[in-house]
Each structure stands twice: as C-alpha cells, then as structure tokens.
Amino acid sequence: LLTDEQVEAYHRDGLLVLRGVLTPEEVELAREGIEAVLRESGML
C-alpha cells in the first residue's frame, strides 16, 4: 500500500500523513462505533 519513499519518510520523521485510509463506508462504521462508545460508557 505504501511506496518505499513513504516508509522511509515514516522512519525518518516518526510520522506519516495518509489520505483516504478508510473508505466512505468504513468512515460510517467508525462513526457508528464512536457513537456506540459515547452512548454507553466503558470502565475506562
């Protein structure tokens, strides 16, 4: 998924910004998951 240049940038900088890691459908799943967390608090 990554180019050699991106991996090297991560190793050099300790960070990497990537676009579109989640699909729109997965973004909606993440929203649903976060809302479930907010509705029902956990032990932590």
All heavy atoms as atom14 arrays in JSON, in Angstrom:
{
  "sequence": "LLTDEQVEAYHRDGLLVLRGVLTPEEVELAREGIEAVLRESGML",
  "atom14_mask": [
    [1, 1, 1, 1, 1, 1, 1, 1, 0, 0, 0, 0, 0, 0],
    [1, 1, 1, 1, 1, 1, 1, 1, 0, 0, 0, 0, 0, 0],
    [1, 1, 1, 1, 1, 1, 1, 0, 0, 0, 0, 0, 0, 0],
    [1, 1, 1, 1, 1, 1, 1, 1, 0, 0, 0, 0, 0, 0],
    [1, 1, 1, 1, 1, 1, 1, 1, 1, 0, 0, 0, 0, 0],
    [1, 1, 1, 1, 1, 1, 1, 1, 1, 0, 0, 0, 0, 0],
    [1, 1, 1, 1, 1, 1, 1, 0, 0, 0, 0, 0, 0, 0],
    [1, 1, 1, 1, 1, 1, 1, 1, 1, 0, 0, 0, 0, 0],
    [1, 1, 1, 1, 1, 0, 0, 0, 0, 0, 0, 0, 0, 0],
    [1, 1, 1, 1, 1, 1, 1, 1, 1, 1, 1, 1, 0, 0],
    [1, 1, 1, 1, 1, 1, 1, 1, 1, 1, 0, 0, 0, 0],
    [1, 1, 1, 1, 1, 1, 1, 1, 1, 1, 1, 0, 0, 0],
    [1, 1, 1, 1, 1, 1, 1, 1, 0, 0, 0, 0, 0, 0],
    [1, 1, 1, 1, 0, 0, 0, 0, 0, 0, 0, 0, 0, 0],
    [1, 1, 1, 1, 1, 1, 1, 1, 0, 0, 0, 0, 0, 0],
    [1, 1, 1, 1, 1, 1, 1, 1, 0, 0, 0, 0, 0, 0],
    [1, 1, 1, 1, 1, 1, 1, 0, 0, 0, 0, 0, 0, 0],
    [1, 1, 1, 1, 1, 1, 1, 1, 0, 0, 0, 0, 0, 0],
    [1, 1, 1, 1, 1, 1, 1, 1, 1, 1, 1, 0, 0, 0],
    [1, 1, 1, 1, 0, 0, 0, 0, 0, 0, 0, 0, 0, 0],
    [1, 1, 1, 1, 1, 1, 1, 0, 0, 0, 0, 0, 0, 0],
    [1, 1, 1, 1, 1, 1, 1, 1, 0, 0, 0, 0, 0, 0],
    [1, 1, 1, 1, 1, 1, 1, 0, 0, 0, 0, 0, 0, 0],
    [1, 1, 1, 1, 1, 1, 1, 0, 0, 0, 0, 0, 0, 0],
    [1, 1, 1, 1, 1, 1, 1, 1, 1, 0, 0, 0, 0, 0],
    [1, 1, 1, 1, 1, 1, 1, 1, 1, 0, 0, 0, 0, 0],
    [1, 1, 1, 1, 1, 1, 1, 0, 0, 0, 0, 0, 0, 0],
    [1, 1, 1, 1, 1, 1, 1, 1, 1, 0, 0, 0, 0, 0],
    [1, 1, 1, 1, 1, 1, 1, 1, 0, 0, 0, 0, 0, 0],
    [1, 1, 1, 1, 1, 0, 0, 0, 0, 0, 0, 0, 0, 0],
    [1, 1, 1, 1, 1, 1, 1, 1, 1, 1, 1, 0, 0, 0],
    [1, 1, 1, 1, 1, 1, 1, 1, 1, 0, 0, 0, 0, 0],
    [1, 1, 1, 1, 0, 0, 0, 0, 0, 0, 0, 0, 0, 0],
    [1, 1, 1, 1, 1, 1, 1, 1, 0, 0, 0, 0, 0, 0],
    [1, 1, 1, 1, 1, 1, 1, 1, 1, 0, 0, 0, 0, 0],
    [1, 1, 1, 1, 1, 0, 0, 0, 0, 0, 0, 0, 0, 0],
    [1, 1, 1, 1, 1, 1, 1, 0, 0, 0, 0, 0, 0, 0],
    [1, 1, 1, 1, 1, 1, 1, 1, 0, 0, 0, 0, 0, 0],
    [1, 1, 1, 1, 1, 1, 1, 1, 1, 1, 1, 0, 0, 0],
    [1, 1, 1, 1, 1, 1, 1, 1, 1, 0, 0, 0, 0, 0],
    [1, 1, 1, 1, 1, 1, 0, 0, 0, 0, 0, 0, 0, 0],
    [1, 1, 1, 1, 0, 0, 0, 0, 0, 0, 0, 0, 0, 0],
    [1, 1, 1, 1, 1, 1, 1, 1, 0, 0, 0, 0, 0, 0],
    [1, 1, 1, 1, 1, 1, 1, 1, 0, 0, 0, 0, 0, 0]
  ],
  "atom14_positions": [
    [[0.82, -1.21, 0.0], [0.0, 0.0, 0.0], [0.85, 1.26, 0.0], [0.38, 2.33, -0.38], [-0.92, 0.01, 1.23], [-1.99, -1.08, 1.3], [-2.72, -1.0, 2.64], [-2.97, -0.95, 0.15], [0.0, 0.0, 0.0], [0.0, 0.0, 0.0], [0.0, 0.0, 0.0], [0.0, 0.0, 0.0], [0.0, 0.0, 0.0], [0.0, 0.0, 0.0]],
    [[2.1, 1.14, 0.47], [2.98, 2.29, 0.63], [4.17, 2.2, -0.31], [4.65, 1.11, -0.62], [3.49, 2.35, 2.07], [2.45, 2.58, 3.16], [3.06, 2.36, 4.53], [1.85, 3.97, 3.06], [0.0, 0.0, 0.0], [0.0, 0.0, 0.0], [0.0, 0.0, 0.0], [0.0, 0.0, 0.0], [0.0, 0.0, 0.0], [0.0, 0.0, 0.0]],
    [[4.65, 3.36, -0.72], [5.87, 3.4, -1.51], [7.08, 3.32, -0.58], [6.98, 3.58, 0.62], [5.96, 4.68, -2.34], [6.08, 5.8, -1.42], [4.71, 4.86, -3.2], [0.0, 0.0, 0.0], [0.0, 0.0, 0.0], [0.0, 0.0, 0.0], [0.0, 0.0, 0.0], [0.0, 0.0, 0.0], [0.0, 0.0, 0.0], [0.0, 0.0, 0.0]],
    [[8.22, 2.99, -1.15], [9.45, 2.98, -0.36], [9.72, 4.36, 0.23], [10.22, 4.48, 1.36], [10.64, 2.55, -1.22], [10.57, 1.08, -1.62], [9.81, 0.32, -1.0], [11.29, 0.7, -2.56], [0.0, 0.0, 0.0], [0.0, 0.0, 0.0], [0.0, 0.0, 0.0], [0.0, 0.0, 0.0], [0.0, 0.0, 0.0], [0.0, 0.0, 0.0]],
    [[9.38, 5.4, -0.53], [9.61, 6.78, -0.06], [8.74, 7.1, 1.15], [9.19, 7.77, 2.09], [9.34, 7.77, -1.19], [10.34, 7.74, -2.33], [10.15, 6.55, -3.25], [9.08, 5.92, -3.23], [11.11, 6.24, -4.01], [0.0, 0.0, 0.0], [0.0, 0.0, 0.0], [0.0, 0.0, 0.0], [0.0, 0.0, 0.0], [0.0, 0.0, 0.0]],
    [[7.51, 6.62, 1.15], [6.63, 6.87, 2.29], [7.12, 6.14, 3.54], [7.11, 6.7, 4.64], [5.2, 6.42, 1.95], [4.49, 7.35, 0.98], [3.13, 6.8, 0.58], [3.0, 5.61, 0.24], [2.12, 7.65, 0.59], [0.0, 0.0, 0.0], [0.0, 0.0, 0.0], [0.0, 0.0, 0.0], [0.0, 0.0, 0.0], [0.0, 0.0, 0.0]],
    [[7.55, 4.9, 3.38], [8.07, 4.15, 4.52], [9.32, 4.83, 5.07], [9.48, 4.97, 6.29], [8.36, 2.69, 4.13], [9.04, 1.95, 5.27], [7.07, 1.98, 3.73], [0.0, 0.0, 0.0], [0.0, 0.0, 0.0], [0.0, 0.0, 0.0], [0.0, 0.0, 0.0], [0.0, 0.0, 0.0], [0.0, 0.0, 0.0], [0.0, 0.0, 0.0]],
    [[10.2, 5.27, 4.17], [11.42, 5.94, 4.62], [11.1, 7.25, 5.33], [11.74, 7.61, 6.33], [12.35, 6.19, 3.44], [13.69, 6.8, 3.81], [14.43, 5.99, 4.86], [14.38, 4.75, 4.8], [15.07, 6.62, 5.74], [0.0, 0.0, 0.0], [0.0, 0.0, 0.0], [0.0, 0.0, 0.0], [0.0, 0.0, 0.0], [0.0, 0.0, 0.0]],
    [[10.1, 7.98, 4.84], [9.69, 9.22, 5.49], [9.18, 8.94, 6.9], [9.47, 9.7, 7.84], [8.63, 9.93, 4.67], [0.0, 0.0, 0.0], [0.0, 0.0, 0.0], [0.0, 0.0, 0.0], [0.0, 0.0, 0.0], [0.0, 0.0, 0.0], [0.0, 0.0, 0.0], [0.0, 0.0, 0.0], [0.0, 0.0, 0.0], [0.0, 0.0, 0.0]],
    [[8.44, 7.85, 7.06], [7.95, 7.49, 8.4], [9.11, 7.17, 9.33], [9.15, 7.63, 10.47], [7.01, 6.29, 8.3], [6.54, 5.8, 9.65], [5.46, 6.4, 10.29], [7.18, 4.73, 10.29], [5.04, 5.97, 11.54], [6.75, 4.29, 11.53], [5.68, 4.91, 12.15], [5.28, 4.48, 13.38], [0.0, 0.0, 0.0], [0.0, 0.0, 0.0]],
    [[10.08, 6.4, 8.83], [11.23, 6.05, 9.67], [12.05, 7.29, 10.02], [12.58, 7.4, 11.14], [12.12, 5.05, 8.93], [11.48, 3.71, 8.79], [11.87, 2.79, 7.84], [10.45, 3.12, 9.47], [11.13, 1.7, 7.94], [10.27, 1.88, 8.92], [0.0, 0.0, 0.0], [0.0, 0.0, 0.0], [0.0, 0.0, 0.0], [0.0, 0.0, 0.0]],
    [[12.13, 8.24, 9.11], [12.91, 9.47, 9.34], [12.2, 10.4, 10.31], [12.81, 10.95, 11.24], [13.14, 10.17, 8.01], [13.95, 11.48, 8.13], [13.94, 12.23, 6.81], [12.62, 12.74, 6.47], [11.98, 12.47, 5.32], [12.53, 11.7, 4.39], [10.78, 12.97, 5.11], [0.0, 0.0, 0.0], [0.0, 0.0, 0.0], [0.0, 0.0, 0.0]],
    [[10.9, 10.6, 10.1], [10.16, 11.63, 10.82], [9.39, 11.1, 12.04], [8.98, 11.88, 12.9], [9.16, 12.32, 9.88], [9.85, 13.01, 8.72], [11.02, 13.4, 8.86], [9.21, 13.16, 7.66], [0.0, 0.0, 0.0], [0.0, 0.0, 0.0], [0.0, 0.0, 0.0], [0.0, 0.0, 0.0], [0.0, 0.0, 0.0], [0.0, 0.0, 0.0]],
    [[9.12, 9.8, 12.05], [8.29, 9.25, 13.11], [6.82, 9.49, 12.91], [6.02, 9.28, 13.83], [0.0, 0.0, 0.0], [0.0, 0.0, 0.0], [0.0, 0.0, 0.0], [0.0, 0.0, 0.0], [0.0, 0.0, 0.0], [0.0, 0.0, 0.0], [0.0, 0.0, 0.0], [0.0, 0.0, 0.0], [0.0, 0.0, 0.0], [0.0, 0.0, 0.0]],
    [[6.43, 9.87, 11.71], [5.02, 10.13, 11.4], [4.8, 10.11, 9.89], [5.75, 10.28, 9.11], [4.59, 11.48, 11.96], [5.27, 12.71, 11.36], [4.35, 13.42, 10.36], [5.68, 13.69, 12.46], [0.0, 0.0, 0.0], [0.0, 0.0, 0.0], [0.0, 0.0, 0.0], [0.0, 0.0, 0.0], [0.0, 0.0, 0.0], [0.0, 0.0, 0.0]],
    [[3.56, 9.87, 9.5], [3.2, 9.87, 8.09], [1.72, 10.19, 7.96], [0.88, 9.56, 8.6], [3.48, 8.49, 7.47], [3.26, 8.35, 5.97], [4.26, 9.19, 5.18], [3.34, 6.88, 5.55], [0.0, 0.0, 0.0], [0.0, 0.0, 0.0], [0.0, 0.0, 0.0], [0.0, 0.0, 0.0], [0.0, 0.0, 0.0], [0.0, 0.0, 0.0]],
    [[1.39, 11.2, 7.15], [0.01, 11.57, 6.86], [-0.43, 10.82, 5.6], [0.24, 10.88, 4.57], [-0.15, 13.09, 6.66], [-1.59, 13.44, 6.31], [0.32, 13.85, 7.89], [0.0, 0.0, 0.0], [0.0, 0.0, 0.0], [0.0, 0.0, 0.0], [0.0, 0.0, 0.0], [0.0, 0.0, 0.0], [0.0, 0.0, 0.0], [0.0, 0.0, 0.0]],
    [[-1.54, 10.11, 5.68], [-2.07, 9.35, 4.56], [-3.52, 9.74, 4.31], [-4.28, 9.97, 5.25], [-1.98, 7.85, 4.83], [-0.57, 7.27, 4.94], [-0.64, 5.82, 5.41], [0.15, 7.36, 3.6], [0.0, 0.0, 0.0], [0.0, 0.0, 0.0], [0.0, 0.0, 0.0], [0.0, 0.0, 0.0], [0.0, 0.0, 0.0], [0.0, 0.0, 0.0]],
    [[-3.87, 9.8, 3.06], [-5.23, 10.2, 2.67], [-6.08, 8.98, 2.32], [-5.59, 8.03, 1.71], [-5.16, 11.13, 1.45], [-4.28, 12.36, 1.65], [-4.83, 13.29, 2.71], [-3.99, 14.49, 2.89], [-4.25, 15.45, 3.77], [-5.33, 15.35, 4.54], [-3.45, 16.49, 3.88], [0.0, 0.0, 0.0], [0.0, 0.0, 0.0], [0.0, 0.0, 0.0]],
    [[-7.35, 9.03, 2.7], [-8.3, 8.01, 2.29], [-7.97, 6.62, 2.77], [-8.19, 5.64, 2.06], [0.0, 0.0, 0.0], [0.0, 0.0, 0.0], [0.0, 0.0, 0.0], [0.0, 0.0, 0.0], [0.0, 0.0, 0.0], [0.0, 0.0, 0.0], [0.0, 0.0, 0.0], [0.0, 0.0, 0.0], [0.0, 0.0, 0.0], [0.0, 0.0, 0.0]],
    [[-7.47, 6.51, 4.0], [-7.14, 5.2, 4.56], [-8.41, 4.37, 4.76], [-8.42, 3.17, 4.54], [-6.36, 5.37, 5.87], [-6.29, 4.08, 6.66], [-4.95, 5.88, 5.58], [0.0, 0.0, 0.0], [0.0, 0.0, 0.0], [0.0, 0.0, 0.0], [0.0, 0.0, 0.0], [0.0, 0.0, 0.0], [0.0, 0.0, 0.0], [0.0, 0.0, 0.0]],
    [[-9.48, 5.02, 5.18], [-10.78, 4.36, 5.28], [-11.65, 4.74, 4.1], [-11.63, 5.89, 3.65], [-11.5, 4.75, 6.57], [-10.86, 4.38, 7.91], [-11.81, 4.74, 9.06], [-10.49, 2.91, 7.98], [0.0, 0.0, 0.0], [0.0, 0.0, 0.0], [0.0, 0.0, 0.0], [0.0, 0.0, 0.0], [0.0, 0.0, 0.0], [0.0, 0.0, 0.0]],
    [[-12.42, 3.79, 3.6], [-13.4, 4.07, 2.56], [-14.57, 4.85, 3.17], [-14.73, 4.88, 4.41], [-13.94, 2.78, 1.96], [-14.69, 2.07, 2.96], [-12.8, 1.88, 1.45], [0.0, 0.0, 0.0], [0.0, 0.0, 0.0], [0.0, 0.0, 0.0], [0.0, 0.0, 0.0], [0.0, 0.0, 0.0], [0.0, 0.0, 0.0], [0.0, 0.0, 0.0]],
    [[-15.42, 5.48, 2.36], [-16.6, 6.16, 2.93], [-17.46, 5.23, 3.77], [-18.0, 5.64, 4.81], [-17.35, 6.65, 1.69], [-16.26, 6.87, 0.67], [-15.28, 5.76, 0.91], [0.0, 0.0, 0.0], [0.0, 0.0, 0.0], [0.0, 0.0, 0.0], [0.0, 0.0, 0.0], [0.0, 0.0, 0.0], [0.0, 0.0, 0.0], [0.0, 0.0, 0.0]],
    [[-17.59, 3.98, 3.35], [-18.39, 3.02, 4.12], [-17.72, 2.74, 5.47], [-18.4, 2.62, 6.5], [-18.56, 1.72, 3.33], [-19.4, 1.84, 2.08], [-18.66, 2.5, 0.91], [-17.4, 2.59, 0.96], [-19.35, 2.93, -0.04], [0.0, 0.0, 0.0], [0.0, 0.0, 0.0], [0.0, 0.0, 0.0], [0.0, 0.0, 0.0], [0.0, 0.0, 0.0]],
    [[-16.4, 2.66, 5.47], [-15.69, 2.42, 6.72], [-15.72, 3.63, 7.64], [-15.76, 3.49, 8.87], [-14.25, 2.0, 6.42], [-14.15, 0.59, 5.83], [-12.76, 0.27, 5.34], [-12.0, 1.2, 4.98], [-12.42, -0.93, 5.28], [0.0, 0.0, 0.0], [0.0, 0.0, 0.0], [0.0, 0.0, 0.0], [0.0, 0.0, 0.0], [0.0, 0.0, 0.0]],
    [[-15.71, 4.83, 7.05], [-15.85, 6.03, 7.86], [-17.19, 6.0, 8.6], [-17.27, 6.33, 9.8], [-15.73, 7.3, 7.0], [-16.14, 8.54, 7.8], [-14.31, 7.47, 6.48], [0.0, 0.0, 0.0], [0.0, 0.0, 0.0], [0.0, 0.0, 0.0], [0.0, 0.0, 0.0], [0.0, 0.0, 0.0], [0.0, 0.0, 0.0], [0.0, 0.0, 0.0]],
    [[-18.24, 5.58, 7.9], [-19.54, 5.49, 8.55], [-19.53, 4.44, 9.66], [-20.13, 4.63, 10.73], [-20.62, 5.14, 7.53], [-22.04, 5.23, 8.06], [-22.36, 6.59, 8.7], [-21.91, 7.63, 8.19], [-23.06, 6.58, 9.74], [0.0, 0.0, 0.0], [0.0, 0.0, 0.0], [0.0, 0.0, 0.0], [0.0, 0.0, 0.0], [0.0, 0.0, 0.0]],
    [[-18.83, 3.32, 9.44], [-18.69, 2.32, 10.5], [-17.98, 2.92, 11.72], [-18.37, 2.67, 12.87], [-17.88, 1.13, 9.99], [-18.6, 0.02, 9.23], [-17.59, -1.04, 8.81], [-19.7, -0.6, 10.07], [0.0, 0.0, 0.0], [0.0, 0.0, 0.0], [0.0, 0.0, 0.0], [0.0, 0.0, 0.0], [0.0, 0.0, 0.0], [0.0, 0.0, 0.0]],
    [[-16.93, 3.7, 11.46], [-16.2, 4.34, 12.56], [-17.1, 5.3, 13.32], [-17.07, 5.35, 14.57], [-14.97, 5.05, 12.03], [0.0, 0.0, 0.0], [0.0, 0.0, 0.0], [0.0, 0.0, 0.0], [0.0, 0.0, 0.0], [0.0, 0.0, 0.0], [0.0, 0.0, 0.0], [0.0, 0.0, 0.0], [0.0, 0.0, 0.0], [0.0, 0.0, 0.0]],
    [[-17.92, 6.06, 12.59], [-18.86, 6.97, 13.28], [-19.82, 6.19, 14.16], [-20.1, 6.56, 15.29], [-19.63, 7.78, 12.24], [-18.78, 8.84, 11.51], [-19.63, 9.6, 10.52], [-18.84, 10.6, 9.81], [-18.88, 10.79, 8.49], [-19.68, 10.05, 7.74], [-18.13, 11.71, 7.94], [0.0, 0.0, 0.0], [0.0, 0.0, 0.0], [0.0, 0.0, 0.0]],
    [[-20.34, 5.08, 13.61], [-21.26, 4.26, 14.39], [-20.58, 3.72, 15.64], [-21.17, 3.7, 16.73], [-21.77, 3.09, 13.53], [-22.66, 3.51, 12.37], [-22.98, 2.34, 11.45], [-22.57, 1.18, 11.78], [-23.61, 2.56, 10.4], [0.0, 0.0, 0.0], [0.0, 0.0, 0.0], [0.0, 0.0, 0.0], [0.0, 0.0, 0.0], [0.0, 0.0, 0.0]],
    [[-19.33, 3.28, 15.49], [-18.61, 2.75, 16.63], [-18.36, 3.8, 17.69], [-18.51, 3.54, 18.89], [0.0, 0.0, 0.0], [0.0, 0.0, 0.0], [0.0, 0.0, 0.0], [0.0, 0.0, 0.0], [0.0, 0.0, 0.0], [0.0, 0.0, 0.0], [0.0, 0.0, 0.0], [0.0, 0.0, 0.0], [0.0, 0.0, 0.0], [0.0, 0.0, 0.0]],
    [[-17.97, 5.0, 17.26], [-17.73, 6.08, 18.21], [-19.02, 6.47, 18.93], [-19.04, 6.7, 20.15], [-17.1, 7.29, 17.5], [-15.67, 6.94, 17.05], [-17.08, 8.52, 18.41], [-15.05, 7.98, 16.14], [0.0, 0.0, 0.0], [0.0, 0.0, 0.0], [0.0, 0.0, 0.0], [0.0, 0.0, 0.0], [0.0, 0.0, 0.0], [0.0, 0.0, 0.0]],
    [[-20.12, 6.55, 18.18], [-21.39, 6.89, 18.81], [-21.81, 5.82, 19.81], [-22.38, 6.14, 20.87], [-22.48, 7.08, 17.74], [-22.28, 8.33, 16.89], [-22.15, 9.59, 17.75], [-23.03, 9.81, 18.61], [-21.16, 10.33, 17.58], [0.0, 0.0, 0.0], [0.0, 0.0, 0.0], [0.0, 0.0, 0.0], [0.0, 0.0, 0.0], [0.0, 0.0, 0.0]],
    [[-21.52, 4.55, 19.53], [-21.83, 3.48, 20.49], [-21.01, 3.66, 21.76], [-21.51, 3.45, 22.87], [-21.55, 2.12, 19.85], [0.0, 0.0, 0.0], [0.0, 0.0, 0.0], [0.0, 0.0, 0.0], [0.0, 0.0, 0.0], [0.0, 0.0, 0.0], [0.0, 0.0, 0.0], [0.0, 0.0, 0.0], [0.0, 0.0, 0.0], [0.0, 0.0, 0.0]],
    [[-19.76, 4.07, 21.62], [-18.91, 4.33, 22.78], [-19.49, 5.47, 23.61], [-19.54, 5.41, 24.85], [-17.48, 4.65, 22.33], [-16.66, 5.24, 23.48], [-16.8, 3.4, 21.77], [0.0, 0.0, 0.0], [0.0, 0.0, 0.0], [0.0, 0.0, 0.0], [0.0, 0.0, 0.0], [0.0, 0.0, 0.0], [0.0, 0.0, 0.0], [0.0, 0.0, 0.0]],
    [[-19.95, 6.54, 22.94], [-20.48, 7.69, 23.66], [-21.81, 7.38, 24.34], [-22.12, 7.93, 25.4], [-20.64, 8.87, 22.69], [-19.35, 9.45, 22.11], [-19.67, 10.55, 21.11], [-18.42, 9.97, 23.21], [0.0, 0.0, 0.0], [0.0, 0.0, 0.0], [0.0, 0.0, 0.0], [0.0, 0.0, 0.0], [0.0, 0.0, 0.0], [0.0, 0.0, 0.0]],
    [[-22.59, 6.49, 23.74], [-23.89, 6.14, 24.33], [-23.74, 5.32, 25.6], [-24.51, 5.46, 26.54], [-24.74, 5.34, 23.32], [-25.43, 6.15, 22.27], [-26.54, 5.35, 21.61], [-26.06, 4.07, 21.1], [-25.55, 3.89, 19.88], [-25.45, 4.91, 19.05], [-25.16, 2.69, 19.49], [0.0, 0.0, 0.0], [0.0, 0.0, 0.0], [0.0, 0.0, 0.0]],
    [[-22.75, 4.45, 25.61], [-22.58, 3.53, 26.73], [-21.14, 3.59, 27.21], [-20.24, 3.0, 26.6], [-22.95, 2.11, 26.32], [-22.96, 1.15, 27.49], [-23.53, -0.21, 27.11], [-24.23, -0.3, 26.08], [-23.29, -1.17, 27.85], [0.0, 0.0, 0.0], [0.0, 0.0, 0.0], [0.0, 0.0, 0.0], [0.0, 0.0, 0.0], [0.0, 0.0, 0.0]],
    [[-20.9, 4.29, 28.28], [-19.55, 4.46, 28.8], [-18.96, 3.12, 29.21], [-19.66, 2.21, 29.67], [-19.56, 5.39, 30.02], [-19.99, 6.68, 29.65], [0.0, 0.0, 0.0], [0.0, 0.0, 0.0], [0.0, 0.0, 0.0], [0.0, 0.0, 0.0], [0.0, 0.0, 0.0], [0.0, 0.0, 0.0], [0.0, 0.0, 0.0], [0.0, 0.0, 0.0]],
    [[-17.64, 3.01, 29.04], [-16.93, 1.81, 29.47], [-16.24, 2.05, 30.8], [-16.32, 3.12, 31.4], [0.0, 0.0, 0.0], [0.0, 0.0, 0.0], [0.0, 0.0, 0.0], [0.0, 0.0, 0.0], [0.0, 0.0, 0.0], [0.0, 0.0, 0.0], [0.0, 0.0, 0.0], [0.0, 0.0, 0.0], [0.0, 0.0, 0.0], [0.0, 0.0, 0.0]],
    [[-15.54, 1.02, 31.27], [-14.83, 1.11, 32.54], [-13.7, 2.13, 32.5], [-13.27, 2.63, 33.54], [-14.27, -0.27, 32.91], [-15.33, -1.31, 33.19], [-16.29, -0.96, 34.68], [-15.03, -1.2, 35.94], [0.0, 0.0, 0.0], [0.0, 0.0, 0.0], [0.0, 0.0, 0.0], [0.0, 0.0, 0.0], [0.0, 0.0, 0.0], [0.0, 0.0, 0.0]],
    [[-13.21, 2.45, 31.3], [-12.06, 3.34, 31.17], [-12.43, 4.71, 30.6], [-11.57, 5.52, 30.32], [-10.99, 2.69, 30.28], [-10.47, 1.33, 30.77], [-9.47, 0.75, 29.78], [-9.85, 1.46, 32.16], [0.0, 0.0, 0.0], [0.0, 0.0, 0.0], [0.0, 0.0, 0.0], [0.0, 0.0, 0.0], [0.0, 0.0, 0.0], [0.0, 0.0, 0.0]]
  ]
}
